[in-house]
Amino acid sequence: MPMFSFQQDLTQYLLSRGLIDEILPTTPDIADKWQQIAEAYLPDGIREFALYPTAALGWMMYIGMAIAKYWDEDWELYNKVDNLYLYLRDRIDYDHMDEYILQKVLLLSEDDQKFWLEVVGECASRTNNKLMHLGIQPGSKEAFLAFVDALQQLYVMGAAVELNALGYRMIKG
């Protein structure tokens, strides 16, 4: 269970929207990429968080969605990429990574892009609100750990919504 309970709030919200099932689809391949992605993302994410907290959080959900799409599309190829976060960011730039993922990775229609902008924005906003109400001293080790935990949950949820959209379902036996 996550240290700061971001997962519960995100799960409830995404379940209420019908975007995930009660049992989240996941793969060891996607989970195993988290550490490398996080280490590469943190310098950008921390820098952006001060002025654009929902973007810094939401981008990680988009990254999770992209990694799930890559896993479904051709994991043998994409798994060979040195760092998938840097690969995604360097296709365009950090500020436009959301648009790049929606348009060029997920290949979504304009209406679907608007839908996911709203969903990811809401997830990022909810997570930021929880972060702000934890009563943690900004800049502290605990604040850093909470930020990393929030990013990880957004990555997991991004992968889960994309796997769900691709038709992967986890059902109780």
Protein backbone atom coordinates (compact mmCIF):
# COMPACT_ATOMS: atom_id res chain seq x y z
CA MET A 1 0.00 0.00 0.00
CA PRO A 2 1.41 3.40 -0.93
CA MET A 3 2.80 5.43 1.92
CA PHE A 4 0.59 8.46 1.18
CA SER A 5 -2.62 6.81 -0.17
CA PHE A 6 -2.70 8.48 -3.59
CA GLN A 7 -3.65 5.18 -5.19
CA GLN A 8 -6.97 4.85 -3.37
CA ASP A 9 -8.24 8.26 -4.49
CA LEU A 10 -7.09 7.78 -8.08
CA THR A 11 -8.55 4.28 -8.24
CA GLN A 12 -11.93 5.45 -6.96
CA TYR A 13 -12.03 8.34 -9.43
CA LEU A 14 -11.03 6.22 -12.44
CA LEU A 15 -13.44 3.45 -11.44
CA SER A 16 -16.25 6.02 -11.23
CA ARG A 17 -15.42 7.07 -14.79
CA GLY A 18 -15.36 3.45 -16.00
CA LEU A 19 -11.73 3.76 -17.12
CA ILE A 20 -10.31 0.89 -15.08
CA ASP A 21 -11.58 -2.33 -13.58
CA GLU A 22 -11.42 -3.13 -9.86
CA ILE A 23 -8.32 -5.25 -10.50
CA LEU A 24 -5.78 -3.13 -12.33
CA PRO A 25 -4.13 -4.62 -15.39
CA THR A 26 -0.39 -4.52 -15.04
CA THR A 27 2.71 -6.20 -16.35
CA PRO A 28 6.12 -6.76 -14.79
CA ASP A 29 7.63 -5.20 -17.94
CA ILE A 30 5.90 -1.87 -17.31
CA ALA A 31 6.49 -1.98 -13.56
CA ASP A 32 10.18 -2.75 -14.09
CA LYS A 33 10.64 0.47 -16.10
CA TRP A 34 9.44 2.69 -13.23
CA GLN A 35 12.77 3.22 -11.43
CA GLN A 36 14.67 4.18 -14.57
CA ILE A 37 11.89 6.47 -15.76
CA ALA A 38 11.56 8.10 -12.33
CA GLU A 39 15.29 8.76 -12.01
CA ALA A 40 15.37 10.44 -15.41
CA TYR A 41 12.11 12.33 -14.84
CA LEU A 42 12.79 13.73 -11.36
CA PRO A 43 15.08 16.62 -12.41
CA ASP A 44 12.42 17.85 -14.86
CA GLY A 45 9.48 17.06 -12.60
CA ILE A 46 10.93 18.77 -9.53
CA ARG A 47 11.90 21.85 -11.54
CA GLU A 48 8.42 22.16 -13.05
CA PHE A 49 6.48 21.36 -9.87
CA ALA A 50 7.03 24.78 -8.26
CA LEU A 51 5.18 26.68 -11.01
CA TYR A 52 3.22 23.93 -12.77
CA PRO A 53 2.40 21.22 -10.22
CA THR A 54 -0.45 19.62 -12.16
CA ALA A 55 1.69 19.41 -15.30
CA ALA A 56 4.61 17.90 -13.37
CA LEU A 57 2.25 15.28 -11.95
CA GLY A 58 0.06 14.73 -15.00
CA TRP A 59 2.97 14.20 -17.37
CA MET A 60 3.80 11.04 -15.45
CA MET A 61 0.33 9.67 -16.10
CA TYR A 62 0.82 10.32 -19.82
CA ILE A 63 4.18 8.55 -19.62
CA GLY A 64 2.49 5.52 -18.04
CA MET A 65 -0.06 5.54 -20.87
CA ALA A 66 2.71 5.72 -23.48
CA ILE A 67 4.71 2.88 -21.91
CA ALA A 68 1.59 0.68 -21.89
CA LYS A 69 0.99 1.48 -25.56
CA TYR A 70 4.61 0.64 -26.38
CA TRP A 71 4.28 -2.61 -24.41
CA ASP A 72 1.22 -3.58 -26.45
CA GLU A 73 2.61 -2.40 -29.77
CA ASP A 74 6.15 -3.82 -29.87
CA TRP A 75 7.78 -4.38 -26.49
CA GLU A 76 10.67 -6.30 -28.03
CA LEU A 77 11.63 -3.07 -29.83
CA TYR A 78 10.76 -0.47 -27.17
CA ASN A 79 12.34 -2.45 -24.34
CA LYS A 80 15.69 -1.92 -26.08
CA VAL A 81 15.41 1.88 -25.77
CA ASP A 82 17.93 3.09 -23.18
CA ASN A 83 15.46 5.30 -21.30
CA LEU A 84 11.86 5.56 -22.43
CA TYR A 85 11.24 8.84 -20.57
CA LEU A 86 14.15 10.55 -22.32
CA TYR A 87 13.04 8.98 -25.60
CA LEU A 88 9.55 10.48 -25.20
CA ARG A 89 10.73 13.86 -23.94
CA ASP A 90 13.31 14.27 -26.65
CA ARG A 91 10.81 13.55 -29.46
CA ILE A 92 9.55 17.10 -28.89
CA ASP A 93 10.28 18.76 -25.50
CA TYR A 94 9.08 18.56 -21.91
CA ASP A 95 6.41 21.27 -22.26
CA HIS A 96 4.66 19.57 -25.18
CA MET A 97 5.12 15.96 -24.15
CA ASP A 98 1.41 15.58 -23.31
CA GLU A 99 0.39 16.55 -26.85
CA TYR A 100 3.07 14.34 -28.37
CA ILE A 101 1.92 11.30 -26.41
CA LEU A 102 -1.77 11.87 -27.16
CA GLN A 103 -1.23 12.56 -30.87
CA LYS A 104 1.82 10.58 -31.93
CA VAL A 105 2.01 7.67 -29.49
CA LEU A 106 -1.63 6.97 -28.63
CA LEU A 107 -2.86 8.25 -32.03
CA LEU A 108 -6.05 9.70 -30.53
CA SER A 109 -8.73 11.70 -32.28
CA GLU A 110 -9.20 15.34 -31.30
CA ASP A 111 -12.24 14.44 -29.16
CA ASP A 112 -10.35 11.64 -27.41
CA GLN A 113 -7.42 13.98 -26.79
CA LYS A 114 -9.76 16.46 -25.09
CA PHE A 115 -11.24 13.65 -23.01
CA TRP A 116 -7.84 12.46 -21.78
CA LEU A 117 -6.64 16.02 -21.14
CA GLU A 118 -9.61 16.39 -18.79
CA VAL A 119 -9.14 12.99 -17.10
CA VAL A 120 -5.38 13.36 -16.62
CA GLY A 121 -5.86 16.96 -15.49
CA GLU A 122 -8.36 15.82 -12.87
CA CYS A 123 -6.06 13.02 -11.67
CA ALA A 124 -3.14 15.45 -11.41
CA SER A 125 -5.26 18.06 -9.64
CA ARG A 126 -6.60 15.54 -7.12
CA THR A 127 -3.09 14.26 -6.46
CA ASN A 128 -1.70 17.77 -6.06
CA ASN A 129 -4.52 18.61 -3.64
CA LYS A 130 -3.67 15.55 -1.55
CA LEU A 131 0.02 16.51 -1.60
CA MET A 132 -0.77 20.03 -0.42
CA HIS A 133 -2.95 18.76 2.44
CA LEU A 134 -0.48 16.23 3.83
CA GLY A 135 0.96 18.83 6.17
CA ILE A 136 4.50 18.08 5.04
CA GLN A 137 7.26 20.69 5.13
CA PRO A 138 8.07 21.71 1.52
CA GLY A 139 11.59 20.76 0.51
CA SER A 140 11.86 18.08 3.19
CA LYS A 141 12.81 14.45 2.65
CA GLU A 142 9.20 13.50 3.42
CA ALA A 143 7.96 15.95 0.76
CA PHE A 144 10.33 14.39 -1.78
CA LEU A 145 9.14 10.89 -0.89
CA ALA A 146 5.50 11.98 -1.17
CA PHE A 147 6.18 13.52 -4.60
CA VAL A 148 7.88 10.33 -5.83
CA ASP A 149 5.03 8.21 -4.47
CA ALA A 150 2.49 10.46 -6.21
CA LEU A 151 4.41 10.15 -9.49
CA GLN A 152 4.56 6.37 -9.17
CA GLN A 153 0.82 6.09 -8.61
CA LEU A 154 0.14 8.33 -11.61
CA TYR A 155 2.48 6.18 -13.72
CA VAL A 156 0.66 3.02 -12.58
CA MET A 157 -2.75 4.57 -13.27
CA GLY A 158 -1.64 5.84 -16.67
CA ALA A 159 -0.53 2.35 -17.63
CA ALA A 160 -3.74 0.87 -16.21
CA VAL A 161 -6.09 3.17 -18.14
CA GLU A 162 -4.21 2.56 -21.38
CA LEU A 163 -4.10 -1.21 -20.91
CA ASN A 164 -7.82 -1.09 -20.13
CA ALA A 165 -8.46 1.00 -23.26
CA LEU A 166 -6.48 -1.56 -25.26
CA GLY A 167 -8.80 -4.30 -24.00
CA TYR A 168 -6.72 -5.90 -21.26
CA ARG A 169 -9.01 -6.93 -18.43
CA MET A 170 -8.25 -8.51 -15.10
CA ILE A 171 -11.25 -10.43 -13.82
CA LYS A 172 -11.86 -12.37 -10.66
CA GLY A 173 -11.70 -16.09 -11.31
